[in-house]
Amino acid sequence: MDDLRKQAFTSLAAILSTPNHIHKSFLRVPLEKGKVIRIPAFRVQHNDTLGPYKGGIRFHESVNEDEVVNLAALMTLKNALHEVPFGGGKGGVVINPKDYSDKELHLICEKYVRYFSDILGPDKDIPAPDVGTGEREMDWMMAEYKSINPGKPYRGSFTGKSVVNGGSLGRRGATGKGVYFTFRYMLHNFLIEHKEWLSENPNPFAKTTLSLGDRPLKIAVQGFGNVGSIAALEACRCTHLQNKVVAVSDRNVTLFNSNGLDIPALVTFARTNKGELPTTEKQLSELGIEVVILNRNELLYLDVDVLLLAALEDQIHKANMKQVKAKIIVEGANAPVTGDADKYLSDKGVIIIPDILANAGGVIVSYLEWMQGRETQFYSEEEVFKLLFDKMTSTMTTILPQFYDDPYPLRQNCYIQAVMKLCTILYRHGKLY
C-alpha cells in the first residue's frame, strides 16, 4: 500500500509540476505609423482537472514564458482552493499598453483571439483581464471571438467584460474587495469567534493575530490600480477595524501621511489621470492633501502593521526582506513575495496571506459572470458580493483553523488544501496509478 501511495504522489507531482499545453505565437501588427511589428504572445493551459482553463491575459513588457507558466499553475491551485470549477490558465502579450494607440491595442486584441482561436471557448479556455487589460480589452476580444465563431455560444468566452456587454455587476471591484475581506475576516470575524482558543495557542502566528486585533492598524498599499485602490477604499471605510491607510504607491511615487491619507480624493485623482497618483507638491496642493513624497520602493520598508501588495511579482525578495517591518502581508498581486522572503518572514512570525487565498475575488466573480452568461439571468451587485464573500468565508473557515493548529505558514496550508482537492479528483478520474 505504501508503494502504491508513493507511486500515486509521484504521478501527482508530474501532473501538477508541468503545464498541459504552452501555446506561443508572434502577433503581426501593422502600426498607424506604417511599419509592421511582431509581438510575442502566450497562452498557457496548466491543468483542466476541475473544468475549463481559466486565467487572465496580461499586457506588460516583462511578460515571458516562465512567468506565464507560473501564473497558470497558481490559477490551478487558486480555483482548487476555493472550489471554483475551473482549471488554471494564463495569457500574456509582451507590450507596454501605454506605447500604443487605442486603435493599435484594438488590433492587438483581435490578433490575439485569431491566433489562439482554436484553443479558446466557453467550455475550453476562458480568459479574463489581468495587468494592463480591463473590460475594454475583453469586450474587443469577445467581439472578435463571436465574429470568427458564427452561430456558436460566445458570452462565456471571456469574462471581466463591461456590464452592458454581458459582464457581471461587481466584477471590477471584486479582486480588491476580496483582498481586503481576507484580512478583515482574519482580524475581526475569526478573532472574535476564536479569541479564547487563540490566546491559549502556542503558535506564533496566533500571537501575531492577537497583538493586532484590539488596536488601530496602520496600513500601506503598494499599487494603486484596480486592486490596490479598491482595497485601500475598503480599508478606510471599514467599520469593523480601526484602520488608517498611511501610505500608497504606484510605479512613480509613494505618498505617506502618518495620520492617514485621503484615499477617496486620491482615487478620484487617479481615475482622471491615467490611473496614476499625484507626484508633485503642486498637484497635492490643488487636491488639498498633506503628504510626504517618497521613493516608490520606500513603502515596503515603512513601520506599518499591514502591507498590502497589489503591484507585480517579486517585490519582497532576498535582498530586501530584512527591511520589511509589517506584521501582516496580504498578497493582492500574484507572487509578490519570493520563496526565500516568505520563509524568512514566516519564521519571524509575520503572517503572509497568500495570493491564492487573498486575490481570488476576481476569478470567483468571473465564474459568476460565466454562469450568468450561460443562463442569461443576471445578479444584482449586492447578490454578487454576497456570493463572493460567502465563497471566501467558506474557504477561510476551512483554512484558518488548520493554519493556527500546525507549524506551517498559511501559504503551505493553502497549497496542501488545493493539492488534496486535485489529488482526490485525479484519483477519481483514474489518472493516479
Protein backbone atom coordinates (compact mmCIF):
# COMPACT_ATOMS: atom_id res chain seq x y z
CA MET A 1 0.00 0.00 0.00
CA ASP A 2 2.82 2.42 0.83
CA ASP A 3 4.42 1.74 -2.56
CA LEU A 4 1.12 2.42 -4.33
CA ARG A 5 0.66 5.65 -2.39
CA LYS A 6 4.19 6.78 -3.20
CA GLN A 7 3.61 5.95 -6.87
CA ALA A 8 0.36 7.96 -6.87
CA PHE A 9 2.07 11.01 -5.36
CA THR A 10 4.88 10.72 -7.91
CA SER A 11 2.25 10.79 -10.64
CA LEU A 12 0.56 13.78 -8.99
CA ALA A 13 3.84 15.69 -8.83
CA ALA A 14 4.46 15.04 -12.52
CA ILE A 15 0.96 16.23 -13.44
CA LEU A 16 0.95 19.44 -11.38
CA SER A 17 4.56 20.49 -11.95
CA THR A 18 4.12 20.77 -15.72
CA PRO A 19 1.50 22.54 -17.86
CA ASN A 20 -0.70 20.59 -20.23
CA HIS A 21 -0.03 22.99 -23.12
CA ILE A 22 2.16 26.01 -23.87
CA HIS A 23 0.93 28.00 -26.86
CA LYS A 24 3.04 30.85 -28.19
CA SER A 25 2.96 32.99 -31.28
CA PHE A 26 4.06 36.31 -32.72
CA LEU A 27 1.21 38.69 -33.44
CA ARG A 28 1.78 40.51 -36.72
CA VAL A 29 0.53 44.05 -36.11
CA PRO A 30 0.63 46.97 -38.61
CA LEU A 31 1.08 50.22 -36.68
CA GLU A 32 -0.52 53.54 -37.56
CA LYS A 33 2.90 54.98 -38.47
CA GLY A 34 3.17 52.45 -41.27
CA LYS A 35 5.61 49.83 -40.02
CA VAL A 36 4.73 46.25 -39.13
CA ILE A 37 5.89 44.67 -35.86
CA ARG A 38 5.70 41.15 -34.45
CA ILE A 39 4.76 40.90 -30.79
CA PRO A 40 5.40 37.75 -28.69
CA ALA A 41 2.19 36.35 -27.18
CA PHE A 42 1.45 33.35 -24.96
CA ARG A 43 -1.43 31.23 -23.73
CA VAL A 44 -0.53 28.57 -21.17
CA GLN A 45 -3.05 25.88 -20.20
CA HIS A 46 -1.77 24.35 -16.99
CA ASN A 47 -4.42 21.89 -15.81
CA ASP A 48 -8.12 21.27 -16.54
CA THR A 49 -8.91 18.61 -13.93
CA LEU A 50 -11.66 20.75 -12.35
CA GLY A 51 -13.04 22.35 -15.51
CA PRO A 52 -12.19 24.65 -18.45
CA TYR A 53 -8.90 26.55 -18.27
CA LYS A 54 -9.34 29.98 -16.68
CA GLY A 55 -6.95 32.89 -16.29
CA GLY A 56 -6.24 36.45 -17.29
CA ILE A 57 -4.36 37.94 -20.22
CA ARG A 58 -1.53 40.25 -19.17
CA PHE A 59 -0.24 43.12 -21.32
CA HIS A 60 3.17 44.05 -19.90
CA GLU A 61 6.71 44.45 -21.22
CA SER A 62 8.09 41.97 -18.65
CA VAL A 63 5.88 39.07 -19.81
CA ASN A 64 7.83 35.89 -20.58
CA GLU A 65 7.07 32.20 -20.91
CA ASP A 66 8.25 31.17 -17.43
CA GLU A 67 6.16 33.89 -15.80
CA VAL A 68 3.01 32.85 -17.66
CA VAL A 69 3.59 29.18 -16.81
CA ASN A 70 3.95 30.02 -13.10
CA LEU A 71 0.84 32.21 -13.11
CA ALA A 72 -1.17 29.48 -14.84
CA ALA A 73 -0.11 27.00 -12.15
CA LEU A 74 -1.22 29.46 -9.46
CA MET A 75 -4.62 29.67 -11.14
CA THR A 76 -4.98 25.88 -10.95
CA LEU A 77 -4.28 25.97 -7.21
CA LYS A 78 -6.46 29.05 -6.62
CA ASN A 79 -9.51 27.50 -8.26
CA ALA A 80 -9.00 24.24 -6.40
CA LEU A 81 -8.63 26.04 -3.06
CA HIS A 82 -11.87 27.99 -3.48
CA GLU A 83 -13.87 25.13 -5.03
CA VAL A 84 -14.33 27.02 -8.31
CA PRO A 85 -14.98 24.55 -11.19
CA PHE A 86 -12.23 25.84 -13.47
CA GLY A 87 -8.73 24.76 -14.31
CA GLY A 88 -5.69 27.02 -14.50
CA GLY A 89 -4.58 29.05 -17.49
CA LYS A 90 -2.86 32.36 -18.23
CA GLY A 91 -2.04 34.56 -21.17
CA GLY A 92 0.42 37.31 -21.91
CA VAL A 93 1.44 39.79 -24.59
CA VAL A 94 4.88 41.44 -24.42
CA ILE A 95 3.92 45.11 -24.72
CA ASN A 96 3.58 48.25 -22.65
CA PRO A 97 0.00 49.30 -23.47
CA LYS A 98 0.89 52.96 -22.92
CA ASP A 99 3.12 52.79 -26.02
CA TYR A 100 0.21 52.03 -28.36
CA SER A 101 -2.82 53.93 -29.59
CA ASP A 102 -6.34 52.67 -28.87
CA LYS A 103 -6.67 51.56 -32.50
CA GLU A 104 -3.43 49.57 -32.27
CA LEU A 105 -4.47 47.97 -28.96
CA HIS A 106 -7.79 47.01 -30.53
CA LEU A 107 -5.94 45.30 -33.35
CA ILE A 108 -3.59 43.52 -30.90
CA CYS A 109 -6.64 42.16 -29.06
CA GLU A 110 -8.21 40.95 -32.29
CA LYS A 111 -4.96 39.32 -33.39
CA TYR A 112 -4.61 37.54 -30.05
CA VAL A 113 -8.05 35.95 -30.44
CA ARG A 114 -7.41 35.00 -34.09
CA TYR A 115 -4.04 33.41 -33.36
CA PHE A 116 -5.35 31.39 -30.40
CA SER A 117 -8.95 30.87 -31.57
CA ASP A 118 -8.66 27.07 -31.77
CA ILE A 119 -7.96 26.71 -28.05
CA LEU A 120 -10.35 29.36 -26.66
CA GLY A 121 -14.04 28.99 -25.90
CA PRO A 122 -16.68 28.97 -23.15
CA ASP A 123 -16.08 25.29 -22.42
CA LYS A 124 -12.37 25.14 -23.28
CA ASP A 125 -10.38 28.17 -22.10
CA ILE A 126 -11.90 31.39 -20.76
CA PRO A 127 -9.59 34.44 -20.50
CA ALA A 128 -10.15 37.46 -18.25
CA PRO A 129 -8.40 40.79 -17.55
CA ASP A 130 -5.02 40.97 -15.82
CA VAL A 131 -2.27 43.58 -15.52
CA GLY A 132 -2.57 46.01 -18.44
CA THR A 133 -6.00 44.83 -19.59
CA GLY A 134 -9.56 45.54 -18.50
CA GLU A 135 -13.18 45.35 -19.57
CA ARG A 136 -12.49 47.27 -22.79
CA GLU A 137 -9.99 44.67 -23.98
CA MET A 138 -12.33 41.80 -23.00
CA ASP A 139 -15.17 43.44 -24.95
CA TRP A 140 -12.96 43.67 -28.02
CA MET A 141 -11.80 40.08 -27.66
CA MET A 142 -15.28 38.65 -27.19
CA ALA A 143 -16.49 40.55 -30.26
CA GLU A 144 -13.69 39.01 -32.31
CA TYR A 145 -14.41 35.54 -30.92
CA LYS A 146 -18.07 35.97 -31.89
CA SER A 147 -17.20 37.09 -35.43
CA ILE A 148 -14.98 34.06 -36.13
CA ASN A 149 -17.37 31.58 -34.49
CA PRO A 150 -20.77 32.45 -36.03
CA GLY A 151 -23.71 30.58 -34.53
CA LYS A 152 -21.76 29.32 -31.53
CA PRO A 153 -22.23 30.38 -27.87
CA TYR A 154 -19.94 33.29 -27.15
CA ARG A 155 -21.00 35.13 -23.96
CA GLY A 156 -18.87 32.90 -21.75
CA SER A 157 -15.79 33.04 -23.99
CA PHE A 158 -14.32 35.95 -21.96
CA THR A 159 -15.10 37.29 -18.50
CA GLY A 160 -14.41 40.70 -16.99
CA LYS A 161 -16.43 42.34 -19.76
CA SER A 162 -18.38 45.58 -19.39
CA VAL A 163 -21.81 45.15 -17.78
CA VAL A 164 -23.62 46.36 -20.89
CA ASN A 165 -21.78 43.67 -22.89
CA GLY A 166 -22.75 40.76 -20.64
CA GLY A 167 -20.31 41.34 -17.81
CA SER A 168 -21.23 40.98 -14.17
CA LEU A 169 -22.01 43.77 -11.78
CA GLY A 170 -19.27 43.87 -9.14
CA ARG A 171 -16.55 42.32 -11.31
CA ARG A 172 -14.39 45.45 -11.45
CA GLY A 173 -14.12 45.75 -7.68
CA ALA A 174 -14.20 42.03 -6.87
CA THR A 175 -10.46 41.37 -6.51
CA GLY A 176 -9.78 44.43 -4.36
CA LYS A 177 -12.81 43.76 -2.14
CA GLY A 178 -11.80 40.12 -1.77
CA VAL A 179 -8.22 41.07 -0.87
CA TYR A 180 -9.37 43.31 1.96
CA PHE A 181 -12.03 40.82 3.06
CA THR A 182 -9.49 38.06 3.77
CA PHE A 183 -7.52 40.36 6.08
CA ARG A 184 -10.65 41.72 7.77
CA TYR A 185 -12.09 38.25 8.27
CA MET A 186 -8.91 37.06 10.00
CA LEU A 187 -8.62 40.03 12.36
CA HIS A 188 -12.32 40.51 13.03
CA ASN A 189 -14.69 37.60 12.37
CA PHE A 190 -12.30 34.75 13.10
CA LEU A 191 -10.58 36.51 16.00
CA ILE A 192 -13.87 37.32 17.77
CA GLU A 193 -15.13 33.75 17.40
CA HIS A 194 -11.87 32.06 18.43
CA LYS A 195 -10.22 34.58 20.76
CA GLU A 196 -10.03 32.26 23.77
CA TRP A 197 -8.64 29.40 21.68
CA LEU A 198 -6.06 31.69 20.05
CA SER A 199 -4.96 33.10 23.43
CA GLU A 200 -4.12 29.56 24.60
CA ASN A 201 -2.49 28.62 21.30
CA PRO A 202 1.35 28.46 21.32
CA ASN A 203 1.53 29.05 17.56
CA PRO A 204 3.49 32.30 16.95
CA PHE A 205 1.02 33.30 14.24
CA ALA A 206 -1.76 33.24 16.86
CA LYS A 207 0.25 35.73 18.93
CA THR A 208 0.68 37.98 15.89
CA THR A 209 -3.07 37.93 15.26
CA LEU A 210 -3.96 38.68 18.88
CA SER A 211 -1.45 41.53 19.07
CA LEU A 212 -3.16 43.32 16.18
CA GLY A 213 -6.76 42.55 17.00
CA ASP A 214 -7.59 45.26 19.54
CA ARG A 215 -5.80 48.40 18.34
CA PRO A 216 -5.71 50.86 15.43
CA LEU A 217 -3.90 49.45 12.41
CA LYS A 218 -1.54 51.30 10.08
CA ILE A 219 -1.85 50.02 6.51
CA ALA A 220 0.35 50.61 3.45
CA VAL A 221 -0.85 49.69 -0.04
CA GLN A 222 1.62 49.04 -2.86
CA GLY A 223 0.00 49.50 -6.24
CA PHE A 224 -2.91 51.87 -6.83
CA GLY A 225 -4.60 50.24 -9.79
CA ASN A 226 -7.92 48.45 -9.77
CA VAL A 227 -6.94 46.08 -6.93
CA GLY A 228 -4.92 48.37 -4.68
CA SER A 229 -7.23 51.40 -4.88
CA ILE A 230 -10.35 49.34 -4.14
CA ALA A 231 -8.65 47.56 -1.22
CA ALA A 232 -7.49 50.91 0.16
CA LEU A 233 -11.06 52.27 -0.07
CA GLU A 234 -12.38 49.17 1.69
CA ALA A 235 -9.80 49.62 4.45
CA CYS A 236 -10.54 53.28 5.13
CA ARG A 237 -14.32 52.73 5.06
CA CYS A 238 -14.29 49.60 7.22
CA THR A 239 -16.37 49.85 10.40
CA HIS A 240 -15.16 46.55 11.87
CA LEU A 241 -11.48 47.50 12.30
CA GLN A 242 -9.71 50.74 13.27
CA ASN A 243 -7.70 51.31 10.09
CA LYS A 244 -5.50 54.14 8.89
CA VAL A 245 -4.16 53.87 5.34
CA VAL A 246 -0.93 55.80 5.88
CA ALA A 247 0.83 55.10 2.57
CA VAL A 248 0.05 54.22 -1.04
CA SER A 249 2.34 53.84 -4.03
CA ASP A 250 2.34 53.28 -7.77
CA ARG A 251 5.11 52.91 -10.35
CA ASN A 252 6.15 56.55 -9.83
CA VAL A 253 5.85 57.50 -6.18
CA THR A 254 4.98 56.69 -2.56
CA LEU A 255 2.65 59.07 -0.70
CA PHE A 256 2.85 58.95 3.11
CA ASN A 257 0.98 60.58 5.98
CA SER A 258 1.23 59.07 9.46
CA ASN A 259 -2.26 60.40 10.31
CA GLY A 260 -3.86 58.68 7.33
CA LEU A 261 -4.39 59.59 3.66
CA ASP A 262 -7.49 60.93 1.95
CA ILE A 263 -8.00 57.78 -0.12
CA PRO A 264 -11.25 58.85 -1.87
CA ALA A 265 -9.55 62.02 -3.14
CA LEU A 266 -6.56 60.04 -4.42
CA VAL A 267 -8.85 57.52 -6.13
CA THR A 268 -10.69 60.36 -7.87
CA PHE A 269 -7.39 61.91 -9.00
CA ALA A 270 -6.06 58.58 -10.32
CA ARG A 271 -9.23 57.88 -12.29
CA THR A 272 -8.85 61.15 -14.18
CA ASN A 273 -5.05 60.91 -14.64
CA LYS A 274 -4.50 57.59 -16.43
CA GLY A 275 -4.53 55.65 -13.18
CA GLU A 276 -1.53 57.44 -11.68
CA LEU A 277 -1.08 59.13 -8.30
CA PRO A 278 -0.06 62.80 -7.97
CA THR A 279 3.71 63.22 -7.97
CA THR A 280 4.26 66.93 -7.36
CA GLU A 281 3.65 69.34 -4.49
CA LYS A 282 1.53 71.46 -6.85
CA GLN A 283 -0.84 68.58 -7.66
CA LEU A 284 -1.16 67.69 -3.98
CA SER A 285 -1.77 71.31 -3.01
CA GLU A 286 -4.59 71.56 -5.55
CA LEU A 287 -6.12 68.43 -4.00
CA GLY A 288 -5.73 69.87 -0.52
CA ILE A 289 -3.83 66.78 0.66
CA GLU A 290 -0.85 66.89 3.02
CA VAL A 291 1.65 64.09 2.37
CA VAL A 292 5.33 63.32 2.34
CA ILE A 293 6.51 62.29 -1.12
CA LEU A 294 8.84 59.26 -1.01
CA ASN A 295 10.54 56.97 -3.50
CA ARG A 296 8.11 54.32 -4.77
CA ASN A 297 10.02 51.43 -3.11
CA GLU A 298 10.17 53.07 0.33
CA LEU A 299 6.61 51.99 1.03
CA LEU A 300 7.82 48.40 1.54
CA TYR A 301 10.01 49.40 4.49
CA LEU A 302 7.66 51.68 6.43
CA ASP A 303 6.84 50.92 10.07
CA VAL A 304 3.27 49.71 9.48
CA ASP A 305 1.14 46.84 10.75
CA VAL A 306 -0.20 45.66 7.40
CA LEU A 307 1.45 45.69 3.98
CA LEU A 308 -0.94 45.10 1.12
CA LEU A 309 0.92 44.22 -2.10
CA ALA A 310 -1.12 44.92 -5.24
CA ALA A 311 1.52 45.63 -7.89
CA LEU A 312 3.67 42.95 -9.57
CA GLU A 313 5.52 39.78 -8.58
CA ASP A 314 8.88 39.56 -6.74
CA GLN A 315 8.51 42.79 -4.75
CA ILE A 316 9.85 41.36 -1.47
CA HIS A 317 12.88 39.16 -2.02
CA LYS A 318 16.14 38.03 -0.51
CA ALA A 319 17.84 41.42 -0.98
CA ASN A 320 15.19 43.49 0.84
CA MET A 321 13.24 41.09 3.09
CA LYS A 322 15.11 42.12 6.28
CA GLN A 323 13.93 45.73 5.85
CA VAL A 324 10.23 44.79 5.98
CA LYS A 325 8.57 45.78 9.29
CA ALA A 326 4.92 44.81 8.68
CA LYS A 327 3.32 42.09 10.84
CA ILE A 328 0.84 41.00 8.17
CA ILE A 329 1.42 40.94 4.41
CA VAL A 330 -1.55 40.50 2.08
CA GLU A 331 -0.76 39.37 -1.48
CA GLY A 332 -3.17 41.26 -3.71
CA ALA A 333 -0.82 40.68 -6.66
CA ASN A 334 0.35 37.28 -7.87
CA ALA A 335 3.61 36.06 -6.26
CA PRO A 336 4.83 39.41 -4.86
CA VAL A 337 6.85 37.62 -2.13
CA THR A 338 9.59 35.22 -3.24
CA GLY A 339 10.18 31.84 -1.63
CA ASP A 340 13.26 32.99 0.31
CA ALA A 341 11.44 36.03 1.68
CA ASP A 342 8.35 34.00 2.53
CA LYS A 343 10.36 31.58 4.68
CA TYR A 344 12.38 34.32 6.40
CA LEU A 345 9.35 36.45 7.27
CA SER A 346 7.20 33.48 8.30
CA ASP A 347 9.96 32.28 10.65
CA LYS A 348 9.77 35.73 12.30
CA GLY A 349 6.02 35.31 12.92
CA VAL A 350 4.89 37.52 10.03
CA ILE A 351 1.55 36.32 8.64
CA ILE A 352 1.51 36.26 4.84
CA ILE A 353 -1.98 35.88 3.37
CA PRO A 354 -1.01 34.30 0.03
CA ASP A 355 -2.21 35.23 -3.42
CA ILE A 356 -4.22 32.06 -3.99
CA LEU A 357 -6.28 32.88 -0.91
CA ALA A 358 -6.37 36.69 -0.97
CA ASN A 359 -6.84 37.69 -4.60
CA ALA A 360 -9.36 35.06 -5.72
CA GLY A 361 -12.23 37.57 -5.80
CA GLY A 362 -11.67 38.16 -9.50
CA VAL A 363 -11.93 34.53 -10.57
CA ILE A 364 -14.86 33.86 -8.23
CA VAL A 365 -16.88 36.70 -9.77
CA SER A 366 -15.65 35.65 -13.23
CA TYR A 367 -17.25 32.28 -12.51
CA LEU A 368 -20.47 34.07 -11.54
CA GLU A 369 -20.26 36.09 -14.79
CA TRP A 370 -19.72 32.89 -16.79
CA MET A 371 -22.78 31.31 -15.16
CA GLN A 372 -24.92 34.41 -15.72
CA GLY A 373 -23.93 34.44 -19.39
CA ARG A 374 -24.97 30.80 -19.82
CA GLU A 375 -28.29 31.33 -18.03
CA THR A 376 -28.88 34.86 -19.42
CA GLN A 377 -30.06 35.84 -15.96
CA PHE A 378 -28.08 38.43 -14.07
CA TYR A 379 -27.49 39.13 -10.37
CA SER A 380 -27.60 42.49 -8.64
CA GLU A 381 -24.31 43.88 -7.32
CA GLU A 382 -25.47 43.13 -3.78
CA GLU A 383 -26.13 39.49 -4.73
CA VAL A 384 -22.73 39.22 -6.43
CA PHE A 385 -20.83 40.47 -3.39
CA LYS A 386 -22.84 38.24 -1.05
CA LEU A 387 -21.95 35.19 -3.15
CA LEU A 388 -18.31 36.33 -3.31
CA PHE A 389 -17.98 36.79 0.45
CA ASP A 390 -19.86 33.54 1.16
CA LYS A 391 -17.40 31.66 -1.04
CA MET A 392 -14.34 33.30 0.54
CA THR A 393 -15.78 32.77 4.04
CA SER A 394 -16.21 29.08 3.29
CA THR A 395 -12.54 28.84 2.29
CA MET A 396 -11.34 30.81 5.31
CA THR A 397 -13.34 28.69 7.77
CA THR A 398 -11.62 25.62 6.36
CA ILE A 399 -8.10 27.02 6.17
CA LEU A 400 -7.64 29.22 9.26
CA PRO A 401 -8.17 26.54 11.96
CA GLN A 402 -5.61 24.34 10.19
CA PHE A 403 -3.20 27.27 9.91
CA TYR A 404 -3.31 28.15 13.60
CA ASP A 405 -3.20 24.50 14.63
CA ASP A 406 0.02 23.46 12.94
CA PRO A 407 3.52 24.89 12.34
CA TYR A 408 3.12 25.55 8.62
CA PRO A 409 2.71 29.10 7.23
CA LEU A 410 -0.61 29.98 5.65
CA ARG A 411 0.70 29.54 2.10
CA GLN A 412 1.62 25.91 2.74
CA ASN A 413 -1.79 25.26 4.29
CA CYS A 414 -3.48 26.67 1.20
CA TYR A 415 -1.29 24.61 -1.12
CA ILE A 416 -1.99 21.44 0.84
CA GLN A 417 -5.75 22.04 0.69
CA ALA A 418 -5.67 22.78 -3.06
CA VAL A 419 -3.44 19.82 -3.93
CA MET A 420 -5.58 17.44 -1.87
CA LYS A 421 -8.65 18.58 -3.83
CA LEU A 422 -6.86 17.99 -7.13
CA CYS A 423 -5.44 14.69 -5.90
CA THR A 424 -8.91 13.41 -4.96
CA ILE A 425 -10.43 14.33 -8.33
CA LEU A 426 -7.49 12.97 -10.32
CA TYR A 427 -7.74 9.70 -8.39
CA ARG A 428 -11.47 9.51 -9.09
CA HIS A 429 -10.71 10.13 -12.77
CA GLY A 430 -8.30 7.20 -12.75
CA LYS A 431 -5.30 9.45 -13.50
CA LEU A 432 -3.16 8.45 -10.50
CA TYR A 433 -1.66 4.99 -10.67
